[in-house]
C-alpha atoms as a PDB file:
ATOM      1  CA  MET A   1       8.655 -25.831 -29.341  1.00  0.00           C
ATOM      2  CA  ILE A   2       7.804 -24.922 -25.788  1.00  0.00           C
ATOM      3  CA  VAL A   3       8.775 -21.409 -24.644  1.00  0.00           C
ATOM      4  CA  ASP A   4       9.724 -21.129 -20.995  1.00  0.00           C
ATOM      5  CA  GLY A   5       8.031 -17.994 -19.551  1.00  0.00           C
ATOM      6  CA  SER A   6       9.470 -18.302 -16.176  1.00  0.00           C
ATOM      7  CA  ALA A   7      12.479 -16.001 -16.913  1.00  0.00           C
ATOM      8  CA  PRO A   8      10.325 -12.908 -17.789  1.00  0.00           C
ATOM      9  CA  ARG A   9       8.115 -13.543 -14.757  1.00  0.00           C
ATOM     10  CA  LEU A  10      11.162 -13.775 -12.488  1.00  0.00           C
ATOM     11  CA  GLU A  11      12.491 -10.588 -13.981  1.00  0.00           C
ATOM     12  CA  LEU A  12       9.208  -8.790 -13.340  1.00  0.00           C
ATOM     13  CA  ALA A  13       9.056 -10.317  -9.789  1.00  0.00           C
ATOM     14  CA  ARG A  14      12.640  -8.872  -9.109  1.00  0.00           C
ATOM     15  CA  LYS A  15      11.477  -5.375 -10.291  1.00  0.00           C
ATOM     16  CA  ALA A  16       8.260  -5.573  -8.269  1.00  0.00           C
ATOM     17  CA  VAL A  17      10.241  -6.449  -5.162  1.00  0.00           C
ATOM     18  CA  ALA A  18      12.675  -3.650  -5.805  1.00  0.00           C
ATOM     19  CA  GLU A  19       9.870  -1.110  -6.208  1.00  0.00           C
ATOM     20  CA  LEU A  20       8.119  -2.370  -2.991  1.00  0.00           C
ATOM     21  CA  LEU A  21      11.337  -2.257  -0.880  1.00  0.00           C
ATOM     22  CA  GLY A  22      12.322   1.122  -2.433  1.00  0.00           C
ATOM     23  CA  THR A  23       8.984   2.771  -1.703  1.00  0.00           C
ATOM     24  CA  ALA A  24       8.745   1.175   1.701  1.00  0.00           C
ATOM     25  CA  LEU A  25      12.119   2.668   2.603  1.00  0.00           C
ATOM     26  CA  LEU A  26      11.199   6.058   1.075  1.00  0.00           C
ATOM     27  CA  VAL A  27       8.108   6.284   3.284  1.00  0.00           C
ATOM     28  CA  ALA A  28       9.879   5.060   6.293  1.00  0.00           C
ATOM     29  CA  ILE A  29      12.454   7.974   5.653  1.00  0.00           C
ATOM     30  CA  VAL A  30       9.665  10.509   5.199  1.00  0.00           C
ATOM     31  CA  VAL A  31       7.592   9.421   8.245  1.00  0.00           C
ATOM     32  CA  GLY A  32      10.513   8.415  10.406  1.00  0.00           C
ATOM     33  CA  SER A  33      12.480  11.628   9.961  1.00  0.00           C
ATOM     34  CA  GLY A  34       9.278  13.537  10.529  1.00  0.00           C
ATOM     35  CA  ILE A  35       8.641  11.838  13.973  1.00  0.00           C
ATOM     36  CA  ALA A  36      12.286  12.316  14.854  1.00  0.00           C
ATOM     37  CA  ALA A  37      12.161  15.980  13.896  1.00  0.00           C
ATOM     38  CA  GLN A  38       9.124  16.525  16.025  1.00  0.00           C
ATOM     39  CA  ARG A  39      10.799  14.961  19.020  1.00  0.00           C
ATOM     40  CA  LEU A  40      14.132  16.669  18.521  1.00  0.00           C
ATOM     41  CA  SER A  41      12.814  20.085  17.738  1.00  0.00           C
ATOM     42  CA  PRO A  42       9.457  20.442  19.552  1.00  0.00           C
ATOM     43  CA  GLY A  43       7.702  23.659  18.943  1.00  0.00           C
ATOM     44  CA  ASP A  44       9.886  24.659  15.906  1.00  0.00           C
ATOM     45  CA  VAL A  45       7.951  23.686  12.805  1.00  0.00           C
ATOM     46  CA  GLY A  46      10.406  25.383  10.463  1.00  0.00           C
ATOM     47  CA  LEU A  47      13.254  23.324  11.866  1.00  0.00           C
ATOM     48  CA  GLN A  48      11.223  20.148  11.751  1.00  0.00           C
ATOM     49  CA  LEU A  49      10.516  20.684   8.041  1.00  0.00           C
ATOM     50  CA  LEU A  50      14.211  21.422   7.409  1.00  0.00           C
ATOM     51  CA  GLU A  51      15.268  18.164   9.138  1.00  0.00           C
ATOM     52  CA  ASN A  52      12.492  16.242   7.244  1.00  0.00           C
ATOM     53  CA  SER A  53      13.461  17.666   3.884  1.00  0.00           C
ATOM     54  CA  ILE A  54      17.122  17.024   4.192  1.00  0.00           C
ATOM     55  CA  ALA A  55      16.600  13.462   5.162  1.00  0.00           C
ATOM     56  CA  THR A  56      14.052  12.856   2.373  1.00  0.00           C
ATOM     57  CA  GLY A  57      16.264  14.320  -0.314  1.00  0.00           C
ATOM     58  CA  ALA A  58      19.375  12.524   0.836  1.00  0.00           C
ATOM     59  CA  GLY A  59      17.384   9.213   1.287  1.00  0.00           C
ATOM     60  CA  LEU A  60      15.947   9.515  -2.337  1.00  0.00           C
ATOM     61  CA  ILE A  61      19.462   9.896  -3.798  1.00  0.00           C
ATOM     62  CA  ALA A  62      20.557   6.647  -2.005  1.00  0.00           C
ATOM     63  CA  LEU A  63      17.475   4.785  -2.899  1.00  0.00           C
ATOM     64  CA  ILE A  64      17.524   5.592  -6.610  1.00  0.00           C
ATOM     65  CA  LEU A  65      21.197   4.620  -6.802  1.00  0.00           C
ATOM     66  CA  ALA A  66      20.446   1.321  -5.081  1.00  0.00           C
ATOM     67  CA  PHE A  67      17.267   0.268  -6.875  1.00  0.00           C
ATOM     68  CA  GLY A  68      17.787   1.947 -10.223  1.00  0.00           C
ATOM     69  CA  PRO A  69      19.795  -0.964 -11.744  1.00  0.00           C
ATOM     70  CA  VAL A  70      16.964  -3.325 -10.866  1.00  0.00           C
ATOM     71  CA  SER A  71      13.703  -1.578 -11.726  1.00  0.00           C
ATOM     72  CA  GLY A  72      14.601   1.956 -12.720  1.00  0.00           C
ATOM     73  CA  ALA A  73      13.641   3.003  -9.150  1.00  0.00           C
ATOM     74  CA  HIS A  74      10.283   4.664 -10.107  1.00  0.00           C
ATOM     75  CA  LEU A  75       9.098   4.510  -6.431  1.00  0.00           C
ATOM     76  CA  ASN A  76       6.084   6.602  -7.634  1.00  0.00           C
ATOM     77  CA  PRO A  77       3.053   5.724  -9.580  1.00  0.00           C
ATOM     78  CA  VAL A  78       3.059   8.881 -11.613  1.00  0.00           C
ATOM     79  CA  VAL A  79       6.603   8.091 -12.840  1.00  0.00           C
ATOM     80  CA  THR A  80       5.478   4.688 -13.773  1.00  0.00           C
ATOM     81  CA  LEU A  81       2.477   5.900 -15.688  1.00  0.00           C
ATOM     82  CA  ALA A  82       4.605   8.438 -17.538  1.00  0.00           C
ATOM     83  CA  ASP A  83       7.091   5.715 -18.351  1.00  0.00           C
ATOM     84  CA  ARG A  84       4.143   3.557 -19.712  1.00  0.00           C
ATOM     85  CA  ILE A  85       3.017   6.397 -21.998  1.00  0.00           C
ATOM     86  CA  PHE A  86       6.544   6.733 -23.378  1.00  0.00           C
ATOM     87  CA  GLY A  87       6.892   2.992 -23.894  1.00  0.00           C
ATOM     88  CA  GLY A  88       9.320   2.281 -21.182  1.00  0.00           C
ATOM     89  CA  VAL A  89       7.212  -0.422 -19.549  1.00  0.00           C
ATOM     90  CA  THR A  90       4.224  -2.546 -20.611  1.00  0.00           C
ATOM     91  CA  SER A  91       0.756  -2.124 -19.215  1.00  0.00           C
ATOM     92  CA  ALA A  92       1.018  -5.312 -17.275  1.00  0.00           C
ATOM     93  CA  ALA A  93       4.457  -4.328 -15.716  1.00  0.00           C
ATOM     94  CA  ALA A  94       3.061  -0.847 -14.835  1.00  0.00           C
ATOM     95  CA  ALA A  95       0.187  -2.397 -13.035  1.00  0.00           C
ATOM     96  CA  VAL A  96       2.498  -4.542 -11.015  1.00  0.00           C
ATOM     97  CA  TYR A  97       4.752  -1.648 -10.321  1.00  0.00           C
ATOM     98  CA  VAL A  98       1.917   0.607  -8.960  1.00  0.00           C
ATOM     99  CA  ALA A  99       0.598  -2.255  -6.877  1.00  0.00           C
ATOM    100  CA  ALA A 100       4.046  -2.840  -5.380  1.00  0.00           C
ATOM    101  CA  GLN A 101       4.566   0.817  -4.712  1.00  0.00           C
ATOM    102  CA  VAL A 102       1.302   1.287  -2.789  1.00  0.00           C
ATOM    103  CA  VAL A 103       1.926  -1.883  -0.754  1.00  0.00           C
ATOM    104  CA  GLY A 104       5.467  -0.724  -0.051  1.00  0.00           C
ATOM    105  CA  ALA A 105       4.263   2.705   0.997  1.00  0.00           C
ATOM    106  CA  CYS A 106       1.885   1.281   3.555  1.00  0.00           C
ATOM    107  CA  ILE A 107       4.542  -1.060   4.958  1.00  0.00           C
ATOM    108  CA  GLY A 108       6.973   1.791   5.164  1.00  0.00           C
ATOM    109  CA  ALA A 109       4.529   3.913   7.272  1.00  0.00           C
ATOM    110  CA  VAL A 110       3.735   0.962   9.598  1.00  0.00           C
ATOM    111  CA  VAL A 111       7.412   0.239  10.007  1.00  0.00           C
ATOM    112  CA  ALA A 112       8.191   3.969  10.795  1.00  0.00           C
ATOM    113  CA  ASN A 113       5.428   3.948  13.376  1.00  0.00           C
ATOM    114  CA  LEU A 114       6.781   0.825  15.110  1.00  0.00           C
ATOM    115  CA  MET A 115      10.407   2.056  15.105  1.00  0.00           C
ATOM    116  CA  PHE A 116       9.286   5.050  17.287  1.00  0.00           C
ATOM    117  CA  GLU A 117       7.090   2.816  19.453  1.00  0.00           C
ATOM    118  CA  LEU A 118       3.818   4.107  18.126  1.00  0.00           C
ATOM    119  CA  PRO A 119       0.816   1.913  17.170  1.00  0.00           C
ATOM    120  CA  ALA A 120       1.449   0.252  13.807  1.00  0.00           C
ATOM    121  CA  VAL A 121      -1.338   2.311  12.235  1.00  0.00           C
ATOM    122  CA  THR A 122      -2.465   5.598  13.497  1.00  0.00           C
ATOM    123  CA  THR A 123      -4.824   7.116  11.066  1.00  0.00           C
ATOM    124  CA  SER A 124      -3.747  10.688  10.356  1.00  0.00           C
ATOM    125  CA  THR A 125      -5.953  13.540  11.516  1.00  0.00           C
ATOM    126  CA  HIS A 126      -3.868  16.221   9.650  1.00  0.00           C
ATOM    127  CA  THR A 127      -6.235  17.872   7.175  1.00  0.00           C
ATOM    128  CA  ARG A 128      -4.589  18.990   4.061  1.00  0.00           C
ATOM    129  CA  SER A 129      -7.435  20.294   1.897  1.00  0.00           C
ATOM    130  CA  SER A 130      -7.519  23.660   0.012  1.00  0.00           C
ATOM    131  CA  GLY A 131      -7.030  25.036  -3.534  1.00  0.00           C
ATOM    132  CA  GLY A 132      -3.555  26.295  -2.648  1.00  0.00           C
ATOM    133  CA  LEU A 133      -2.448  22.898  -1.446  1.00  0.00           C
ATOM    134  CA  TRP A 134      -3.866  21.171  -4.548  1.00  0.00           C
ATOM    135  CA  LEU A 135      -2.092  23.696  -6.824  1.00  0.00           C
ATOM    136  CA  GLY A 136       1.126  23.054  -4.798  1.00  0.00           C
ATOM    137  CA  GLU A 137       0.781  19.369  -5.663  1.00  0.00           C
ATOM    138  CA  VAL A 138       0.297  19.987  -9.299  1.00  0.00           C
ATOM    139  CA  VAL A 139       3.418  22.204  -9.322  1.00  0.00           C
ATOM    140  CA  ALA A 140       5.405  19.638  -7.250  1.00  0.00           C
ATOM    141  CA  THR A 141       4.543  16.712  -9.488  1.00  0.00           C
ATOM    142  CA  LEU A 142       4.995  18.673 -12.724  1.00  0.00           C
ATOM    143  CA  GLY A 143       8.364  19.889 -11.649  1.00  0.00           C
ATOM    144  CA  LEU A 144       9.439  16.351 -10.547  1.00  0.00           C
ATOM    145  CA  LEU A 145       8.654  14.738 -13.788  1.00  0.00           C
ATOM    146  CA  LEU A 146      10.167  17.607 -15.755  1.00  0.00           C
ATOM    147  CA  VAL A 147      13.407  17.127 -13.804  1.00  0.00           C
ATOM    148  CA  ILE A 148      13.403  13.505 -14.584  1.00  0.00           C
ATOM    149  CA  PHE A 149      12.494  14.001 -18.327  1.00  0.00           C
ATOM    150  CA  GLY A 150      15.016  16.737 -18.711  1.00  0.00           C
ATOM    151  CA  VAL A 151      17.877  14.974 -17.047  1.00  0.00           C
ATOM    152  CA  VAL A 152      17.309  11.427 -18.659  1.00  0.00           C
ATOM    153  CA  ARG A 153      16.283  12.513 -22.117  1.00  0.00           C
ATOM    154  CA  SER A 154      19.229  14.857 -22.456  1.00  0.00           C
ATOM    155  CA  GLY A 155      21.529  11.877 -21.893  1.00  0.00           C
ATOM    156  CA  LYS A 156      22.583  12.576 -18.293  1.00  0.00           C
ATOM    157  CA  ALA A 157      20.895   9.707 -16.575  1.00  0.00           C
ATOM    158  CA  ALA A 158      23.717   9.340 -14.128  1.00  0.00           C
ATOM    159  CA  ALA A 159      22.827  12.615 -12.523  1.00  0.00           C
ATOM    160  CA  ALA A 160      19.109  11.711 -12.178  1.00  0.00           C
ATOM    161  CA  PRO A 161      19.315  10.399  -8.458  1.00  0.00           C
ATOM    162  CA  PHE A 162      20.967  13.756  -7.393  1.00  0.00           C
ATOM    163  CA  ALA A 163      18.619  15.968  -9.495  1.00  0.00           C
ATOM    164  CA  VAL A 164      15.578  14.309  -8.048  1.00  0.00           C
ATOM    165  CA  GLY A 165      16.778  14.291  -4.511  1.00  0.00           C
ATOM    166  CA  GLY A 166      17.785  17.920  -4.703  1.00  0.00           C
ATOM    167  CA  TYR A 167      14.411  18.910  -6.398  1.00  0.00           C
ATOM    168  CA  ILE A 168      12.321  17.199  -3.709  1.00  0.00           C
ATOM    169  CA  ALA A 169      14.389  18.730  -0.864  1.00  0.00           C
ATOM    170  CA  ALA A 170      13.747  22.108  -2.444  1.00  0.00           C
ATOM    171  CA  ALA A 171      10.043  21.429  -3.154  1.00  0.00           C
ATOM    172  CA  TYR A 172       9.423  20.641   0.546  1.00  0.00           C
ATOM    173  CA  TRP A 173       9.978  24.501   0.900  1.00  0.00           C
ATOM    174  CA  PHE A 174       8.772  26.171  -2.300  1.00  0.00           C
ATOM    175  CA  THR A 175       5.417  24.420  -2.541  1.00  0.00           C
ATOM    176  CA  SER A 176       2.495  24.976  -0.226  1.00  0.00           C
ATOM    177  CA  SER A 177       1.799  21.221   0.061  1.00  0.00           C
ATOM    178  CA  THR A 178       5.406  20.433   1.044  1.00  0.00           C
ATOM    179  CA  SER A 179       5.623  18.281  -2.126  1.00  0.00           C
ATOM    180  CA  PHE A 180       4.057  14.834  -1.663  1.00  0.00           C
ATOM    181  CA  ALA A 181       4.170  14.417  -5.497  1.00  0.00           C
ATOM    182  CA  ASN A 182       3.631  10.690  -5.288  1.00  0.00           C
ATOM    183  CA  PRO A 183       0.164   8.906  -5.030  1.00  0.00           C
ATOM    184  CA  ALA A 184       1.700   5.846  -3.238  1.00  0.00           C
ATOM    185  CA  VAL A 185       3.419   7.908  -0.597  1.00  0.00           C
ATOM    186  CA  THR A 186       0.296   9.926  -0.127  1.00  0.00           C
ATOM    187  CA  VAL A 187      -1.608   6.663   0.643  1.00  0.00           C
ATOM    188  CA  GLY A 188       1.092   5.522   2.991  1.00  0.00           C
ATOM    189  CA  ARG A 189       1.086   8.798   4.892  1.00  0.00           C
ATOM    190  CA  THR A 190      -2.520   8.382   5.740  1.00  0.00           C
ATOM    191  CA  LEU A 191      -1.467   5.607   8.208  1.00  0.00           C
ATOM    192  CA  THR A 192       0.521   7.745  10.485  1.00  0.00           C
ATOM    193  CA  ASP A 193      -0.850  10.580  12.784  1.00  0.00           C
ATOM    194  CA  THR A 194       2.491  12.360  12.909  1.00  0.00           C
ATOM    195  CA  PHE A 195       4.412  15.260  11.355  1.00  0.00           C
ATOM    196  CA  ALA A 196       4.191  13.753   7.803  1.00  0.00           C
ATOM    197  CA  GLY A 197       0.682  12.402   7.995  1.00  0.00           C
ATOM    198  CA  ILE A 198      -2.359  13.288   5.866  1.00  0.00           C
ATOM    199  CA  LYS A 199      -5.984  12.668   6.736  1.00  0.00           C
ATOM    200  CA  PRO A 200      -7.537   9.963   4.539  1.00  0.00           C
ATOM    201  CA  SER A 201     -10.281  12.268   3.327  1.00  0.00           C
ATOM    202  CA  SER A 202      -7.571  14.760   2.088  1.00  0.00           C
ATOM    203  CA  ALA A 203      -5.679  12.129   0.088  1.00  0.00           C
ATOM    204  CA  PRO A 204      -8.020  12.039  -2.971  1.00  0.00           C
ATOM    205  CA  GLY A 205      -7.576  15.698  -3.657  1.00  0.00           C
ATOM    206  CA  PHE A 206      -3.817  15.336  -3.405  1.00  0.00           C
ATOM    207  CA  ILE A 207      -3.772  12.295  -5.665  1.00  0.00           C
ATOM    208  CA  ALA A 208      -5.966  13.992  -8.295  1.00  0.00           C
ATOM    209  CA  ALA A 209      -3.656  17.019  -8.289  1.00  0.00           C
ATOM    210  CA  GLN A 210      -0.558  14.762  -8.659  1.00  0.00           C
ATOM    211  CA  LEU A 211      -2.165  13.039 -11.618  1.00  0.00           C
ATOM    212  CA  ALA A 212      -2.959  16.385 -13.129  1.00  0.00           C
ATOM    213  CA  GLY A 213       0.541  17.577 -12.762  1.00  0.00           C
ATOM    214  CA  ALA A 214       1.853  14.391 -14.321  1.00  0.00           C
ATOM    215  CA  ALA A 215      -0.333  14.823 -17.384  1.00  0.00           C
ATOM    216  CA  LEU A 216       0.870  18.415 -17.856  1.00  0.00           C
ATOM    217  CA  ALA A 217       4.429  17.174 -17.543  1.00  0.00           C
ATOM    218  CA  VAL A 218       3.968  14.451 -20.213  1.00  0.00           C
ATOM    219  CA  ALA A 219       2.469  17.096 -22.605  1.00  0.00           C
ATOM    220  CA  LEU A 220       5.329  19.518 -21.972  1.00  0.00           C
ATOM    221  CA  ALA A 221       7.886  16.778 -22.457  1.00  0.00           C
ATOM    222  CA  ARG A 222       6.454  15.892 -25.886  1.00  0.00           C
ATOM    223  CA  PHE A 223       6.750  19.615 -26.782  1.00  0.00           C
ATOM    224  CA  LEU A 224      10.181  20.317 -25.362  1.00  0.00           C
ATOM    225  CA  TYR A 225      11.894  17.143 -26.745  1.00  0.00           C
ATOM    226  CA  PRO A 226      10.206  16.617 -30.079  1.00  0.00           C
ATOM    227  CA  SER A 227      13.218  15.257 -31.859  1.00  0.00           C
ATOM    228  CA  ILE A 228      14.409  12.841 -29.156  1.00  0.00           C
ATOM    229  CA  PRO A 229      13.279   9.172 -29.349  1.00  0.00           C
ATOM    230  CA  ALA A 230      11.028   7.942 -26.577  1.00  0.00           C
ATOM    231  CA  LEU A 231      13.217   6.885 -23.648  1.00  0.00           C
ATOM    232  CA  ASP A 232      12.548   5.347 -20.264  1.00  0.00           C
ATOM    233  CA  VAL A 233      11.870   8.332 -18.019  1.00  0.00           C
ATOM    234  CA  VAL A 234      13.822   7.133 -15.145  1.00  0.00           C
ATOM    235  CA  VAL A 235      17.304   5.844 -14.592  1.00  0.00           C
ATOM    236  CA  PRO A 236      18.111   3.189 -17.138  1.00  0.00           C
ATOM    237  CA  HIS A 237      18.163  -0.412 -15.846  1.00  0.00           C
ATOM    238  CA  GLU A 238      21.913  -0.898 -15.885  1.00  0.00           C
ATOM    239  CA  PRO A 239      24.402  -0.567 -13.028  1.00  0.00           C
ATOM    240  CA  ALA A 240      26.620   1.753 -15.036  1.00  0.00           C
ATOM    241  CA  THR A 241      24.165   4.513 -14.948  1.00  0.00           C
ATOM    242  CA  SER A 242      22.429   3.904 -11.790  1.00  0.00           C
ATOM    243  CA  ARG A 243      15.438   8.075  -8.960  1.00  0.00           C
END
């Protein structure tokens, strides 16, 4: 008997494209709204951050609702890695997801630059490197994953898009790092020398802090939800409960 393996491969391809498109749009929102904020509110960094945070939070809600039914709308390598630890995806699928997210993030930054008539790639010169900023990224990522775990593992997956969008909008303000909380987005933001950019040499420190925050979140989730079976940590892959 010959088993046709094309169906699983097609399904993974669909999910990978969803992750690529979703992450590309997320970075386009982050970078594009940052550029627009700089131009609309020159000289007022607080107002620029407000505009950037509102656009990002609202955009996240829309993207999670749109791509959740296809791939779970991880849009973030740390979410994918946490999902792998809890058995939501296989190792092979996780690797494909992460690759798609990183590629998508880079595409999103390039598209945002081009939309505002900047060179496609403008390597950021915005240094973000200090103990306080790294701690901010640990806190931002820890909080993001705990929000996802708490909402989904308590049976309220339909609220996840709104919880995640709201948390990220808030974390722009209460964390010193303005809450990147996403390794793929961090890589993408090195490609734009604008409001949302991060200098390439600063990216490894941010990514290390994000991974540390994710590890803490996984450990806390195991402690906080000991009697609940392992669940996918993001929005389930059905339209009825469409991060």
